[in-house]
Amino acid sequence: MKRLLLKCILPSLLAFAAIAALPEGHPAPDFQAQASLAGKSFTYSLRESLKSGPVVVYFYPSAYTGGCNIQAHTFATKHEQFAAAGASVVGVSLDSIERLNDYSADPEYCAGKFPVASDADGKIAKSYDIAVREATPGKTDSRGAAIDHGFAERTTFVITPDGNIVANIGGLKPAENVAKALEVVQGLAVK
């Protein structure tokens, strides 16, 4: 009975999670944040990135965790396809910039292909209406290091150069999330 109930309720919860964030057609909140690309820190600006084309802004729970590792690796391996569609990618999490310097350069994950931004206080995630959970005491990452920060809900936004959200992608497995974002930006490229 419990399994049947979960099968009925879970799709509704996932759909609710996907629509809880800012909807399609909504202006994307601009942000600047400390970010890392290939292990080097810099100040990332959404406004500046939009001058070059659509931007895929993906929020993820934490560097060096199962689903996030898959998602980062998938974005890295699909990087050329996003670039060919004229889009750039930026990941955003509550990780510290020190963790992101390692993660952004790690050949197994970001591989220096796209920046990851530190939203240590969760303000960027909250401006996009992304759910943020507090740190779980004793939680460790895939390297065995303690995770001492909160977690943003996995949600991806595709933002057009005029600053509007054209896609809000949530409730999907990490690789499916990337595939859907790529489908959206490729659709924009042919218009």
C-alpha atoms as a PDB file:
ATOM      1  CA  MET A   1       0.000   0.000   0.000  1.00  0.00           C
ATOM      2  CA  LYS A   2       2.832   2.392   0.869  1.00  0.00           C
ATOM      3  CA  ARG A   3       4.472   1.794  -2.525  1.00  0.00           C
ATOM      4  CA  LEU A   4       1.202   2.444  -4.335  1.00  0.00           C
ATOM      5  CA  LEU A   5       0.723   5.653  -2.385  1.00  0.00           C
ATOM      6  CA  LEU A   6       4.287   6.768  -3.208  1.00  0.00           C
ATOM      7  CA  LYS A   7       3.758   5.994  -6.903  1.00  0.00           C
ATOM      8  CA  CYS A   8       0.688   8.213  -6.868  1.00  0.00           C
ATOM      9  CA  ILE A   9       2.114  11.072  -4.820  1.00  0.00           C
ATOM     10  CA  LEU A  10       5.725  11.227  -6.058  1.00  0.00           C
ATOM     11  CA  PRO A  11       4.966  12.497  -9.599  1.00  0.00           C
ATOM     12  CA  SER A  12       2.833  15.284  -8.119  1.00  0.00           C
ATOM     13  CA  LEU A  13       5.611  16.275  -5.719  1.00  0.00           C
ATOM     14  CA  LEU A  14       8.166  16.328  -8.529  1.00  0.00           C
ATOM     15  CA  ALA A  15       5.869  18.445 -10.688  1.00  0.00           C
ATOM     16  CA  PHE A  16       5.311  20.820  -7.767  1.00  0.00           C
ATOM     17  CA  ALA A  17       9.083  21.102  -7.231  1.00  0.00           C
ATOM     18  CA  ALA A  18       9.557  21.990 -10.893  1.00  0.00           C
ATOM     19  CA  ILE A  19       6.958  24.776 -10.759  1.00  0.00           C
ATOM     20  CA  ALA A  20       7.934  26.090  -7.331  1.00  0.00           C
ATOM     21  CA  ALA A  21      10.890  27.925  -8.924  1.00  0.00           C
ATOM     22  CA  LEU A  22      10.473  31.020 -11.104  1.00  0.00           C
ATOM     23  CA  PRO A  23       8.315  30.165 -14.130  1.00  0.00           C
ATOM     24  CA  GLU A  24       8.950  30.479 -17.846  1.00  0.00           C
ATOM     25  CA  GLY A  25       8.405  34.033 -19.066  1.00  0.00           C
ATOM     26  CA  HIS A  26       9.573  35.553 -15.775  1.00  0.00           C
ATOM     27  CA  PRO A  27      12.562  37.925 -15.833  1.00  0.00           C
ATOM     28  CA  ALA A  28      15.658  36.160 -14.543  1.00  0.00           C
ATOM     29  CA  PRO A  29      17.184  37.827 -11.484  1.00  0.00           C
ATOM     30  CA  ASP A  30      20.584  39.225 -12.395  1.00  0.00           C
ATOM     31  CA  PHE A  31      23.507  38.173 -10.229  1.00  0.00           C
ATOM     32  CA  GLN A  32      27.225  38.454  -9.786  1.00  0.00           C
ATOM     33  CA  ALA A  33      29.108  35.869  -7.783  1.00  0.00           C
ATOM     34  CA  GLN A  34      32.526  34.504  -7.061  1.00  0.00           C
ATOM     35  CA  ALA A  35      33.001  31.637  -9.479  1.00  0.00           C
ATOM     36  CA  SER A  36      35.675  29.238 -10.638  1.00  0.00           C
ATOM     37  CA  LEU A  37      36.691  28.064 -14.089  1.00  0.00           C
ATOM     38  CA  ALA A  38      39.446  25.462 -14.429  1.00  0.00           C
ATOM     39  CA  GLY A  39      40.463  26.069 -10.810  1.00  0.00           C
ATOM     40  CA  LYS A  40      40.771  29.849 -11.092  1.00  0.00           C
ATOM     41  CA  SER A  41      38.467  32.238  -9.211  1.00  0.00           C
ATOM     42  CA  PHE A  42      36.838  35.226 -10.906  1.00  0.00           C
ATOM     43  CA  THR A  43      33.687  37.326 -10.646  1.00  0.00           C
ATOM     44  CA  TYR A  44      30.900  35.859 -12.778  1.00  0.00           C
ATOM     45  CA  SER A  45      28.221  38.218 -14.115  1.00  0.00           C
ATOM     46  CA  LEU A  46      24.991  36.888 -15.598  1.00  0.00           C
ATOM     47  CA  ARG A  47      24.351  40.215 -17.335  1.00  0.00           C
ATOM     48  CA  GLU A  48      27.757  40.083 -19.059  1.00  0.00           C
ATOM     49  CA  SER A  49      27.290  36.452 -20.092  1.00  0.00           C
ATOM     50  CA  LEU A  50      23.886  37.194 -21.642  1.00  0.00           C
ATOM     51  CA  LYS A  51      25.566  39.644 -24.032  1.00  0.00           C
ATOM     52  CA  SER A  52      27.022  36.604 -25.825  1.00  0.00           C
ATOM     53  CA  GLY A  53      23.819  34.548 -26.050  1.00  0.00           C
ATOM     54  CA  PRO A  54      21.491  32.376 -23.964  1.00  0.00           C
ATOM     55  CA  VAL A  55      22.750  31.194 -20.584  1.00  0.00           C
ATOM     56  CA  VAL A  56      21.937  27.901 -18.899  1.00  0.00           C
ATOM     57  CA  VAL A  57      21.956  28.545 -15.142  1.00  0.00           C
ATOM     58  CA  TYR A  58      21.790  25.291 -13.262  1.00  0.00           C
ATOM     59  CA  PHE A  59      21.399  25.060  -9.503  1.00  0.00           C
ATOM     60  CA  TYR A  60      22.672  21.881  -7.873  1.00  0.00           C
ATOM     61  CA  PRO A  61      22.919  20.619  -4.278  1.00  0.00           C
ATOM     62  CA  SER A  62      26.676  20.128  -3.775  1.00  0.00           C
ATOM     63  CA  ALA A  63      29.950  19.524  -5.564  1.00  0.00           C
ATOM     64  CA  TYR A  64      31.343  16.024  -5.204  1.00  0.00           C
ATOM     65  CA  THR A  65      28.016  14.267  -4.617  1.00  0.00           C
ATOM     66  CA  GLY A  66      26.460  11.523  -6.746  1.00  0.00           C
ATOM     67  CA  GLY A  67      23.869  13.285  -8.894  1.00  0.00           C
ATOM     68  CA  CYS A  68      25.838  16.527  -9.055  1.00  0.00           C
ATOM     69  CA  ASN A  69      28.918  14.673 -10.286  1.00  0.00           C
ATOM     70  CA  ILE A  70      26.852  13.094 -13.067  1.00  0.00           C
ATOM     71  CA  GLN A  71      25.288  16.423 -14.010  1.00  0.00           C
ATOM     72  CA  ALA A  72      28.614  18.309 -14.079  1.00  0.00           C
ATOM     73  CA  HIS A  73      30.271  15.558 -16.127  1.00  0.00           C
ATOM     74  CA  THR A  74      27.352  15.555 -18.583  1.00  0.00           C
ATOM     75  CA  PHE A  75      27.471  19.347 -18.997  1.00  0.00           C
ATOM     76  CA  ALA A  76      31.248  19.071 -19.595  1.00  0.00           C
ATOM     77  CA  THR A  77      30.911  16.340 -22.238  1.00  0.00           C
ATOM     78  CA  LYS A  78      28.100  18.267 -23.981  1.00  0.00           C
ATOM     79  CA  HIS A  79      29.916  21.637 -23.705  1.00  0.00           C
ATOM     80  CA  GLU A  80      30.678  21.886 -27.427  1.00  0.00           C
ATOM     81  CA  GLN A  81      27.023  21.240 -28.310  1.00  0.00           C
ATOM     82  CA  PHE A  82      25.887  24.051 -26.005  1.00  0.00           C
ATOM     83  CA  ALA A  83      28.528  26.362 -27.493  1.00  0.00           C
ATOM     84  CA  ALA A  84      27.484  25.399 -31.049  1.00  0.00           C
ATOM     85  CA  ALA A  85      23.934  26.495 -30.140  1.00  0.00           C
ATOM     86  CA  GLY A  86      25.363  29.825 -28.938  1.00  0.00           C
ATOM     87  CA  ALA A  87      24.729  29.132 -25.238  1.00  0.00           C
ATOM     88  CA  SER A  88      26.957  29.207 -22.182  1.00  0.00           C
ATOM     89  CA  VAL A  89      26.523  27.265 -18.949  1.00  0.00           C
ATOM     90  CA  VAL A  90      27.071  28.203 -15.311  1.00  0.00           C
ATOM     91  CA  GLY A  91      26.491  26.002 -12.284  1.00  0.00           C
ATOM     92  CA  VAL A  92      25.416  27.541  -8.977  1.00  0.00           C
ATOM     93  CA  SER A  93      25.601  25.906  -5.546  1.00  0.00           C
ATOM     94  CA  LEU A  94      26.111  26.807  -1.909  1.00  0.00           C
ATOM     95  CA  ASP A  95      29.630  25.355  -2.020  1.00  0.00           C
ATOM     96  CA  SER A  96      32.537  27.571  -0.970  1.00  0.00           C
ATOM     97  CA  ILE A  97      34.772  28.959  -3.702  1.00  0.00           C
ATOM     98  CA  GLU A  98      37.594  26.763  -2.388  1.00  0.00           C
ATOM     99  CA  ARG A  99      35.555  23.585  -3.042  1.00  0.00           C
ATOM    100  CA  LEU A 100      34.525  24.940  -6.431  1.00  0.00           C
ATOM    101  CA  ASN A 101      38.127  25.673  -7.436  1.00  0.00           C
ATOM    102  CA  ASP A 102      38.829  21.942  -7.054  1.00  0.00           C
ATOM    103  CA  TYR A 103      35.562  20.855  -8.662  1.00  0.00           C
ATOM    104  CA  SER A 104      35.799  23.173 -11.664  1.00  0.00           C
ATOM    105  CA  ALA A 105      39.228  21.810 -12.595  1.00  0.00           C
ATOM    106  CA  ASP A 106      38.486  18.144 -11.862  1.00  0.00           C
ATOM    107  CA  PRO A 107      38.682  16.224 -15.174  1.00  0.00           C
ATOM    108  CA  GLU A 108      35.979  13.816 -13.970  1.00  0.00           C
ATOM    109  CA  TYR A 109      33.386  16.559 -13.445  1.00  0.00           C
ATOM    110  CA  CYS A 110      33.503  20.162 -14.754  1.00  0.00           C
ATOM    111  CA  ALA A 111      36.835  19.520 -16.488  1.00  0.00           C
ATOM    112  CA  GLY A 112      37.473  23.247 -16.904  1.00  0.00           C
ATOM    113  CA  LYS A 113      34.672  23.497 -19.489  1.00  0.00           C
ATOM    114  CA  PHE A 114      32.270  25.856 -17.689  1.00  0.00           C
ATOM    115  CA  PRO A 115      32.227  27.999 -14.531  1.00  0.00           C
ATOM    116  CA  VAL A 116      30.633  27.113 -11.235  1.00  0.00           C
ATOM    117  CA  ALA A 117      29.538  29.941  -8.935  1.00  0.00           C
ATOM    118  CA  SER A 118      29.481  30.080  -5.154  1.00  0.00           C
ATOM    119  CA  ASP A 119      26.157  31.114  -3.611  1.00  0.00           C
ATOM    120  CA  ALA A 120      27.365  30.457  -0.065  1.00  0.00           C
ATOM    121  CA  ASP A 121      24.484  32.314   1.612  1.00  0.00           C
ATOM    122  CA  GLY A 122      21.819  30.995  -0.779  1.00  0.00           C
ATOM    123  CA  LYS A 123      20.689  34.470  -1.887  1.00  0.00           C
ATOM    124  CA  ILE A 124      20.931  33.698  -5.607  1.00  0.00           C
ATOM    125  CA  ALA A 125      19.001  30.429  -5.234  1.00  0.00           C
ATOM    126  CA  LYS A 126      16.321  32.156  -3.170  1.00  0.00           C
ATOM    127  CA  SER A 127      15.995  34.953  -5.768  1.00  0.00           C
ATOM    128  CA  TYR A 128      15.059  32.206  -8.264  1.00  0.00           C
ATOM    129  CA  ASP A 129      12.607  30.712  -5.732  1.00  0.00           C
ATOM    130  CA  ILE A 130      14.779  27.615  -5.378  1.00  0.00           C
ATOM    131  CA  ALA A 131      14.281  25.600  -2.217  1.00  0.00           C
ATOM    132  CA  VAL A 132      17.367  25.626   0.019  1.00  0.00           C
ATOM    133  CA  ARG A 133      17.922  23.043   2.772  1.00  0.00           C
ATOM    134  CA  GLU A 134      20.260  23.507   5.711  1.00  0.00           C
ATOM    135  CA  ALA A 135      23.451  21.476   6.025  1.00  0.00           C
ATOM    136  CA  THR A 136      23.050  17.973   7.412  1.00  0.00           C
ATOM    137  CA  PRO A 137      25.485  17.302  10.278  1.00  0.00           C
ATOM    138  CA  GLY A 138      27.881  14.474   9.465  1.00  0.00           C
ATOM    139  CA  LYS A 139      27.180  14.506   5.711  1.00  0.00           C
ATOM    140  CA  THR A 140      30.237  13.805   3.543  1.00  0.00           C
ATOM    141  CA  ASP A 141      30.920  14.087  -0.174  1.00  0.00           C
ATOM    142  CA  SER A 142      32.183  11.444  -2.601  1.00  0.00           C
ATOM    143  CA  ARG A 143      35.766  12.211  -1.488  1.00  0.00           C
ATOM    144  CA  GLY A 144      34.884  11.715   2.188  1.00  0.00           C
ATOM    145  CA  ALA A 145      35.162  15.438   2.989  1.00  0.00           C
ATOM    146  CA  ALA A 146      32.568  17.020   5.276  1.00  0.00           C
ATOM    147  CA  ILE A 147      29.796  19.019   3.609  1.00  0.00           C
ATOM    148  CA  ASP A 148      29.218  22.042   5.816  1.00  0.00           C
ATOM    149  CA  HIS A 149      26.886  24.063   3.599  1.00  0.00           C
ATOM    150  CA  GLY A 150      23.226  24.045   2.599  1.00  0.00           C
ATOM    151  CA  PHE A 151      21.795  22.429  -0.515  1.00  0.00           C
ATOM    152  CA  ALA A 152      19.894  24.092  -3.374  1.00  0.00           C
ATOM    153  CA  GLU A 153      17.220  22.111  -5.186  1.00  0.00           C
ATOM    154  CA  ARG A 154      18.375  20.790  -8.591  1.00  0.00           C
ATOM    155  CA  THR A 155      16.745  23.151 -11.091  1.00  0.00           C
ATOM    156  CA  THR A 156      17.957  24.463 -14.430  1.00  0.00           C
ATOM    157  CA  PHE A 157      16.925  27.682 -16.139  1.00  0.00           C
ATOM    158  CA  VAL A 158      17.516  28.653 -19.742  1.00  0.00           C
ATOM    159  CA  ILE A 159      17.694  32.434 -19.992  1.00  0.00           C
ATOM    160  CA  THR A 160      17.544  34.374 -23.256  1.00  0.00           C
ATOM    161  CA  PRO A 161      19.780  37.401 -23.959  1.00  0.00           C
ATOM    162  CA  ASP A 162      16.854  39.715 -23.119  1.00  0.00           C
ATOM    163  CA  GLY A 163      16.990  38.332 -19.567  1.00  0.00           C
ATOM    164  CA  ASN A 164      13.834  36.211 -19.606  1.00  0.00           C
ATOM    165  CA  ILE A 165      13.457  32.607 -18.493  1.00  0.00           C
ATOM    166  CA  VAL A 166      12.384  30.408 -21.418  1.00  0.00           C
ATOM    167  CA  ALA A 167      12.698  27.098 -19.586  1.00  0.00           C
ATOM    168  CA  ASN A 168      12.505  25.933 -15.988  1.00  0.00           C
ATOM    169  CA  ILE A 169      13.741  22.344 -15.803  1.00  0.00           C
ATOM    170  CA  GLY A 170      13.257  20.396 -12.586  1.00  0.00           C
ATOM    171  CA  GLY A 171      12.184  16.968 -11.389  1.00  0.00           C
ATOM    172  CA  LEU A 172      14.489  15.114 -13.799  1.00  0.00           C
ATOM    173  CA  LYS A 173      17.508  12.899 -13.244  1.00  0.00           C
ATOM    174  CA  PRO A 174      20.814  14.795 -13.640  1.00  0.00           C
ATOM    175  CA  ALA A 175      21.684  13.583 -17.172  1.00  0.00           C
ATOM    176  CA  GLU A 176      18.071  14.075 -18.326  1.00  0.00           C
ATOM    177  CA  ASN A 177      18.177  17.606 -16.924  1.00  0.00           C
ATOM    178  CA  VAL A 178      21.220  18.391 -19.111  1.00  0.00           C
ATOM    179  CA  ALA A 179      19.636  16.762 -22.186  1.00  0.00           C
ATOM    180  CA  LYS A 180      16.485  18.865 -21.773  1.00  0.00           C
ATOM    181  CA  ALA A 181      18.517  22.082 -21.390  1.00  0.00           C
ATOM    182  CA  LEU A 182      20.452  21.222 -24.561  1.00  0.00           C
ATOM    183  CA  GLU A 183      17.199  20.550 -26.418  1.00  0.00           C
ATOM    184  CA  VAL A 184      15.904  23.979 -25.376  1.00  0.00           C
ATOM    185  CA  VAL A 185      19.017  25.910 -26.439  1.00  0.00           C
ATOM    186  CA  GLN A 186      19.216  24.031 -29.736  1.00  0.00           C
ATOM    187  CA  GLY A 187      15.576  24.987 -30.312  1.00  0.00           C
ATOM    188  CA  LEU A 188      16.437  28.644 -29.681  1.00  0.00           C
ATOM    189  CA  ALA A 189      19.327  28.439 -32.146  1.00  0.00           C
ATOM    190  CA  VAL A 190      17.082  27.416 -35.056  1.00  0.00           C
ATOM    191  CA  LYS A 191      14.530  30.187 -34.468  1.00  0.00           C
END
